[in-house]
Amino acid sequence: MSALEAAPEPLAPDPAAVRPRRFWRGLGVGLLALAMAVLLGERLWLAVERPLWLDETWTQAIVSAPGGGFWREVYLDVNAPLYYVLMRGWTALFGLGDLSLRLPGLILAPLAAVLVWRGGWSGLSPRLRAMWGVLIFFWWGVGQFLDGRCYGLLLCFSVLLTLSFARLLRRPSLATGALWGALAALTVLTHYYALFIVAGQGLVLLGRWRLRAFKAWPAAVAFVPALAWMAYHAPRVAQYGRPDVAWHPPLSLDDALGVIGFSFAAYAPYLAIGAAVALIAFTLSSRLNPAAVAPTAAEPVDTAAWVTAAGLIALALALASAALRPTLSPRYLIPLVPSILLGVSLWAQALRRAPAVPAALMAAYVVFGLNPVALAQASRLGAPYGFEAGSRFLAAGGVTDLTYVWDHPAAKIMDPGSLQRIGAAYFQRAGLKVAVHPLVAAQSDDPNRLLPAAAQGARPGLLWIYDREGRTAAHDHAPRIAQLDPRWTCRTFGDGQTGSMACLRAKP
């Protein structure tokens, strides 16, 4: 009898042991699907309920500019152009309403998670891809689904860029390089901070393949359109980086920790840092099972680690840039989030001796993503830094002329036509003819006196959009127009630090 014949047949799984595992797995999947549906329902409700904030109003004003004025507004804005171009077509079909502006983000952010799950990286186990997708879905966090801005589109392109980079790492060639270069161009043309993940991935590619990486160099042609636009736009973007214009604070250690935490979880940065440290500690103290990371022979064990390394390099480059010039807001780091969360998924999956860790990680993301307290607060505050509610108050009062101040360091470099367009945004959308007279206030000015003195028209209205924490006039002069001049009836909107004050003069 041969050894093969003598080998005992493998035992069939005990049905009694399999059934409970299937039940709990099915229950977990069902609860996760329910949580996703609830999260989308919450965000859809907020998208209808919550007024637009200031940046979303800029989107509305730019994409609604008539004729060639659209391209002028795109150039004058600090942001990359692709989102505005796509939204120009979208709003032409679906209008400029609040839900219309926000719906693309509500669609694209969940799509990014689906792309991770079904994006063609066959070397990763289905379980790992599912965890990666779920973390991205719930990472987006309370309120992040809502923006009528580029961030949902940016997350989708960033996921596609990450998947194409993994393919390029495995097989450097002209075809894989061209795909990566084209997606890099689209991502950068959606947001300029994507340059950091492109740089991080380029450095990793050189470190992984060295001279062999240069065989794909003709693919760099795909990036030429992005370079050409950036060269054209650079003089205008540079104006926003001037010390007297840049509104972001210098990067402190506390801010840096918050930014790093955002990369792991948008909803609770400091908790995310703690979770990341705990996961790393578990990883170092446990024996890793490489099959949990790359279960097939076709996938090099280190490909996913290289992809994660690119995200960490990009994070370091972005922090170094912010330390030199204060231009960083945490949400600008969305392009490197897919790589970071892939690393978090790898750590969790590798902890075969601590199976509760992945479950706890998933639970934390779900709970904080669904956070009803934050949802209620977002509904109660509305849009703290916005003026849609103030514009409705003025429109209801029959205002014929609006004199307003956008109290912001960047106002001094704004085109007067752009300021006029942003002030008129909600009146134009409602079909009202209101003459808009924008003023630019220096930090030493007092808009409490500046605005009433400049009021004009048969039924004048005043609007003061402010942020009291910045280098603004409101920092030194609290909004109190009605207290100084009883002829005005004013309403304040916001959270006290950021917001707007809208005033109507009493009728004779």
Foldseek 3Di string as FASTA:
>chain_A
DDPVVVDDDDDDDDPVVVVVVVVVVVVVVVVLVVLLVLLLVLLLVLLVQFDAFQVLLLLLLLLPDPDPSNVVSQLLDLWFRPLSVVVNVQCVPVNRDSCSLLVVLSPQQLVLLVCQQPVPPVQADNVLSNLLSLQSSLLCFPPNSRDSALLSVLLNLLSQLLVLLLVCLLPPAQVSLLSNLLSLQVNCSRGVLSVLLVVLSVVLSCVRPPPVNCNNVVSNVSNVVSVVVCVVSVVSNVVCQDPLRPWFDQDDPVNLQQLCQSLQGVQDRVVSVVLVVVLVVLLVVADFDLCLGGVDPSRPSCSLVSSLSSLVSSSVVVSVVSNVTPRDDSSSSSSSSSSNSSVVSRSQSRNPVCVVSSVVVSVVSSCRRSPVVVSVVCSVQRHQQRCLVLVVVCVVVVAAEEEEEAFHSNPVVDDQVSVQSSVCSNCVSVVHHHHYHYDYDALCDACLPVFVVPFDDPKTKYKYWDALVTSGVCVVYPDDNCVVPVQKDWDWHHDRRGTMIMITGDHD
